[in-house]
Amino acid sequence: MARRQLNFNRRRNSGRALALWAVFFILALAIAPPVKHYFSQRAQISALNVQLSLDYKALDAARKELLQWQNPEYVKSQARERLHFVLPGERQYIVTQDENPTDSTPAAKVASTLADGQPWYSRLIASIRETG
């Protein structure tokens, strides 16, 4: 009889363990989607924070550039560099050279017969004629 009682207790303990595992399994299934959603939102928030910091850096760079453009000397230097502007009375020379020069001659000839009083298009045409 003691043996039957022992078997019965094992089955009852086994049934309780099975029920406990079933409750844990159902609980895990119920909690898994919200936990997954939480972690995906945290990853999205961190990515947005990184993007926000990059945008703030770009904004600071744009503000610094705007301050530079308010300086007349900077505007003048950019006009000279980018648009090849010259002040009245100055003469500008643009030298072009191949990356792999074949001989030791200068890459561009300077027009020597240009008069200062002529309009720019006359000097351009004379320069083109003289350099060939």
C-alpha atoms as a PDB file:
ATOM      1  CA  MET A   1       0.000   0.000   0.000  1.00  0.00           C
ATOM      2  CA  ALA A   2       2.857   2.368   0.719  1.00  0.00           C
ATOM      3  CA  ARG A   3       4.096   1.768  -2.748  1.00  0.00           C
ATOM      4  CA  ARG A   4       0.789   2.834  -4.285  1.00  0.00           C
ATOM      5  CA  GLN A   5       0.751   5.960  -2.137  1.00  0.00           C
ATOM      6  CA  LEU A   6       4.277   6.820  -3.356  1.00  0.00           C
ATOM      7  CA  ASN A   7       3.253   6.344  -7.005  1.00  0.00           C
ATOM      8  CA  PHE A   8       0.213   8.528  -6.467  1.00  0.00           C
ATOM      9  CA  ASN A   9       2.321  11.307  -4.912  1.00  0.00           C
ATOM     10  CA  ARG A  10       4.759  11.178  -7.830  1.00  0.00           C
ATOM     11  CA  ARG A  11       1.929  11.527 -10.322  1.00  0.00           C
ATOM     12  CA  ARG A  12       0.429  14.396  -8.369  1.00  0.00           C
ATOM     13  CA  ASN A  13       3.830  16.162  -8.127  1.00  0.00           C
ATOM     14  CA  SER A  14       4.410  15.503 -11.797  1.00  0.00           C
ATOM     15  CA  GLY A  15       0.998  16.976 -12.622  1.00  0.00           C
ATOM     16  CA  ARG A  16       1.717  20.040 -10.504  1.00  0.00           C
ATOM     17  CA  ALA A  17       5.078  20.520 -12.231  1.00  0.00           C
ATOM     18  CA  LEU A  18       3.437  20.148 -15.613  1.00  0.00           C
ATOM     19  CA  ALA A  19       0.773  22.695 -14.683  1.00  0.00           C
ATOM     20  CA  LEU A  20       3.433  25.075 -13.384  1.00  0.00           C
ATOM     21  CA  TRP A  21       5.445  24.726 -16.623  1.00  0.00           C
ATOM     22  CA  ALA A  22       2.277  25.306 -18.662  1.00  0.00           C
ATOM     23  CA  VAL A  23       1.548  28.510 -16.711  1.00  0.00           C
ATOM     24  CA  PHE A  24       5.136  29.730 -17.254  1.00  0.00           C
ATOM     25  CA  PHE A  25       4.936  28.895 -20.949  1.00  0.00           C
ATOM     26  CA  ILE A  26       1.651  30.773 -21.401  1.00  0.00           C
ATOM     27  CA  LEU A  27       3.034  33.692 -19.405  1.00  0.00           C
ATOM     28  CA  ALA A  28       6.154  33.771 -21.611  1.00  0.00           C
ATOM     29  CA  LEU A  29       3.983  33.729 -24.736  1.00  0.00           C
ATOM     30  CA  ALA A  30       1.905  36.582 -23.368  1.00  0.00           C
ATOM     31  CA  ILE A  31       4.916  38.700 -22.375  1.00  0.00           C
ATOM     32  CA  ALA A  32       7.131  38.074 -25.440  1.00  0.00           C
ATOM     33  CA  PRO A  33       5.455  40.447 -27.976  1.00  0.00           C
ATOM     34  CA  PRO A  34       5.432  43.494 -25.680  1.00  0.00           C
ATOM     35  CA  VAL A  35       9.047  42.855 -24.686  1.00  0.00           C
ATOM     36  CA  LYS A  36      10.049  42.546 -28.332  1.00  0.00           C
ATOM     37  CA  HIS A  37       8.166  45.749 -29.125  1.00  0.00           C
ATOM     38  CA  TYR A  38       9.891  47.517 -26.230  1.00  0.00           C
ATOM     39  CA  PHE A  39      13.370  46.566 -27.416  1.00  0.00           C
ATOM     40  CA  SER A  40      12.628  47.514 -31.033  1.00  0.00           C
ATOM     41  CA  GLN A  41      11.378  50.911 -29.861  1.00  0.00           C
ATOM     42  CA  ARG A  42      14.514  51.412 -27.743  1.00  0.00           C
ATOM     43  CA  ALA A  43      16.678  50.651 -30.800  1.00  0.00           C
ATOM     44  CA  GLN A  44      14.659  53.093 -32.879  1.00  0.00           C
ATOM     45  CA  ILE A  45      14.992  55.791 -30.192  1.00  0.00           C
ATOM     46  CA  SER A  46      18.772  55.352 -30.032  1.00  0.00           C
ATOM     47  CA  ALA A  47      19.029  55.564 -33.839  1.00  0.00           C
ATOM     48  CA  LEU A  48      16.963  58.748 -33.813  1.00  0.00           C
ATOM     49  CA  ASN A  49      19.168  60.215 -31.078  1.00  0.00           C
ATOM     50  CA  VAL A  50      22.252  59.552 -33.196  1.00  0.00           C
ATOM     51  CA  GLN A  51      20.564  61.190 -36.200  1.00  0.00           C
ATOM     52  CA  LEU A  52      19.556  64.156 -34.035  1.00  0.00           C
ATOM     53  CA  SER A  53      23.119  64.684 -32.831  1.00  0.00           C
ATOM     54  CA  LEU A  54      24.381  64.563 -36.439  1.00  0.00           C
ATOM     55  CA  ASP A  55      21.731  67.108 -37.434  1.00  0.00           C
ATOM     56  CA  TYR A  56      22.789  69.419 -34.585  1.00  0.00           C
ATOM     57  CA  LYS A  57      26.404  69.211 -35.746  1.00  0.00           C
ATOM     58  CA  ALA A  58      25.360  70.060 -39.309  1.00  0.00           C
ATOM     59  CA  LEU A  59      23.286  72.966 -38.004  1.00  0.00           C
ATOM     60  CA  ASP A  60      26.248  74.324 -36.053  1.00  0.00           C
ATOM     61  CA  ALA A  61      28.454  74.046 -39.147  1.00  0.00           C
ATOM     62  CA  ALA A  62      25.839  75.897 -41.210  1.00  0.00           C
ATOM     63  CA  ARG A  63      25.618  78.661 -38.585  1.00  0.00           C
ATOM     64  CA  LYS A  64      29.410  79.054 -38.607  1.00  0.00           C
ATOM     65  CA  GLU A  65      29.399  79.262 -42.399  1.00  0.00           C
ATOM     66  CA  LEU A  66      26.618  81.859 -42.275  1.00  0.00           C
ATOM     67  CA  LEU A  67      28.705  83.970 -39.913  1.00  0.00           C
ATOM     68  CA  GLN A  68      31.640  83.706 -42.329  1.00  0.00           C
ATOM     69  CA  TRP A  69      29.500  84.879 -45.232  1.00  0.00           C
ATOM     70  CA  GLN A  70      28.593  88.020 -43.271  1.00  0.00           C
ATOM     71  CA  ASN A  71      32.259  89.058 -43.351  1.00  0.00           C
ATOM     72  CA  PRO A  72      32.950  91.151 -46.517  1.00  0.00           C
ATOM     73  CA  GLU A  73      36.576  89.959 -46.727  1.00  0.00           C
ATOM     74  CA  TYR A  74      35.444  86.330 -46.773  1.00  0.00           C
ATOM     75  CA  VAL A  75      32.915  87.092 -49.514  1.00  0.00           C
ATOM     76  CA  LYS A  76      35.633  88.812 -51.532  1.00  0.00           C
ATOM     77  CA  SER A  77      38.024  85.884 -51.140  1.00  0.00           C
ATOM     78  CA  GLN A  78      35.318  83.390 -52.155  1.00  0.00           C
ATOM     79  CA  ALA A  79      34.451  85.480 -55.220  1.00  0.00           C
ATOM     80  CA  ARG A  80      38.107  85.468 -56.229  1.00  0.00           C
ATOM     81  CA  GLU A  81      38.499  81.743 -55.633  1.00  0.00           C
ATOM     82  CA  ARG A  82      35.233  80.353 -56.958  1.00  0.00           C
ATOM     83  CA  LEU A  83      34.215  82.875 -59.620  1.00  0.00           C
ATOM     84  CA  HIS A  84      37.694  84.128 -60.578  1.00  0.00           C
ATOM     85  CA  PHE A  85      36.758  87.772 -59.938  1.00  0.00           C
ATOM     86  CA  VAL A  86      39.491  90.383 -59.911  1.00  0.00           C
ATOM     87  CA  LEU A  87      39.506  93.929 -58.602  1.00  0.00           C
ATOM     88  CA  PRO A  88      39.866  96.840 -61.028  1.00  0.00           C
ATOM     89  CA  GLY A  89      43.472  97.254 -62.058  1.00  0.00           C
ATOM     90  CA  GLU A  90      44.423  93.666 -61.301  1.00  0.00           C
ATOM     91  CA  ARG A  91      45.274  91.045 -63.886  1.00  0.00           C
ATOM     92  CA  GLN A  92      44.475  87.408 -63.360  1.00  0.00           C
ATOM     93  CA  TYR A  93      46.388  84.521 -64.849  1.00  0.00           C
ATOM     94  CA  ILE A  94      44.981  81.010 -64.912  1.00  0.00           C
ATOM     95  CA  VAL A  95      47.576  78.338 -65.488  1.00  0.00           C
ATOM     96  CA  THR A  96      46.386  74.982 -66.712  1.00  0.00           C
ATOM     97  CA  GLN A  97      48.671  72.000 -66.710  1.00  0.00           C
ATOM     98  CA  ASP A  98      48.253  68.333 -67.496  1.00  0.00           C
ATOM     99  CA  GLU A  99      48.721  65.919 -64.640  1.00  0.00           C
ATOM    100  CA  ASN A 100      51.463  64.148 -66.610  1.00  0.00           C
ATOM    101  CA  PRO A 101      53.354  66.796 -68.586  1.00  0.00           C
ATOM    102  CA  THR A 102      55.205  65.380 -71.598  1.00  0.00           C
ATOM    103  CA  ASP A 103      57.777  68.153 -71.878  1.00  0.00           C
ATOM    104  CA  SER A 104      59.228  70.918 -69.717  1.00  0.00           C
ATOM    105  CA  THR A 105      57.507  73.845 -71.499  1.00  0.00           C
ATOM    106  CA  PRO A 106      55.004  75.943 -69.564  1.00  0.00           C
ATOM    107  CA  ALA A 107      51.445  74.732 -69.913  1.00  0.00           C
ATOM    108  CA  ALA A 108      49.931  78.129 -70.675  1.00  0.00           C
ATOM    109  CA  LYS A 109      51.222  81.194 -72.491  1.00  0.00           C
ATOM    110  CA  VAL A 110      50.529  84.650 -71.100  1.00  0.00           C
ATOM    111  CA  ALA A 111      49.213  87.175 -73.574  1.00  0.00           C
ATOM    112  CA  SER A 112      51.625  90.092 -73.584  1.00  0.00           C
ATOM    113  CA  THR A 113      49.882  92.539 -75.926  1.00  0.00           C
ATOM    114  CA  LEU A 114      46.743  93.065 -73.870  1.00  0.00           C
ATOM    115  CA  ALA A 115      45.853  96.681 -73.252  1.00  0.00           C
ATOM    116  CA  ASP A 116      44.360  97.628 -69.919  1.00  0.00           C
ATOM    117  CA  GLY A 117      41.802 100.086 -71.321  1.00  0.00           C
ATOM    118  CA  GLN A 118      39.980  97.584 -73.533  1.00  0.00           C
ATOM    119  CA  PRO A 119      36.775  95.807 -72.512  1.00  0.00           C
ATOM    120  CA  TRP A 120      37.076  92.313 -71.138  1.00  0.00           C
ATOM    121  CA  TYR A 121      35.725  90.602 -74.252  1.00  0.00           C
ATOM    122  CA  SER A 122      38.308  92.309 -76.470  1.00  0.00           C
ATOM    123  CA  ARG A 123      41.068  91.175 -74.177  1.00  0.00           C
ATOM    124  CA  LEU A 124      39.599  87.658 -74.148  1.00  0.00           C
ATOM    125  CA  ILE A 125      39.561  87.489 -77.950  1.00  0.00           C
ATOM    126  CA  ALA A 126      43.122  88.870 -78.155  1.00  0.00           C
ATOM    127  CA  SER A 127      44.284  86.331 -75.590  1.00  0.00           C
ATOM    128  CA  ILE A 128      42.711  83.481 -77.522  1.00  0.00           C
ATOM    129  CA  ARG A 129      44.294  84.672 -80.788  1.00  0.00           C
ATOM    130  CA  GLU A 130      47.734  84.975 -79.265  1.00  0.00           C
ATOM    131  CA  THR A 131      47.757  81.629 -77.493  1.00  0.00           C
ATOM    132  CA  GLY A 132      46.545  79.859 -80.577  1.00  0.00           C
END
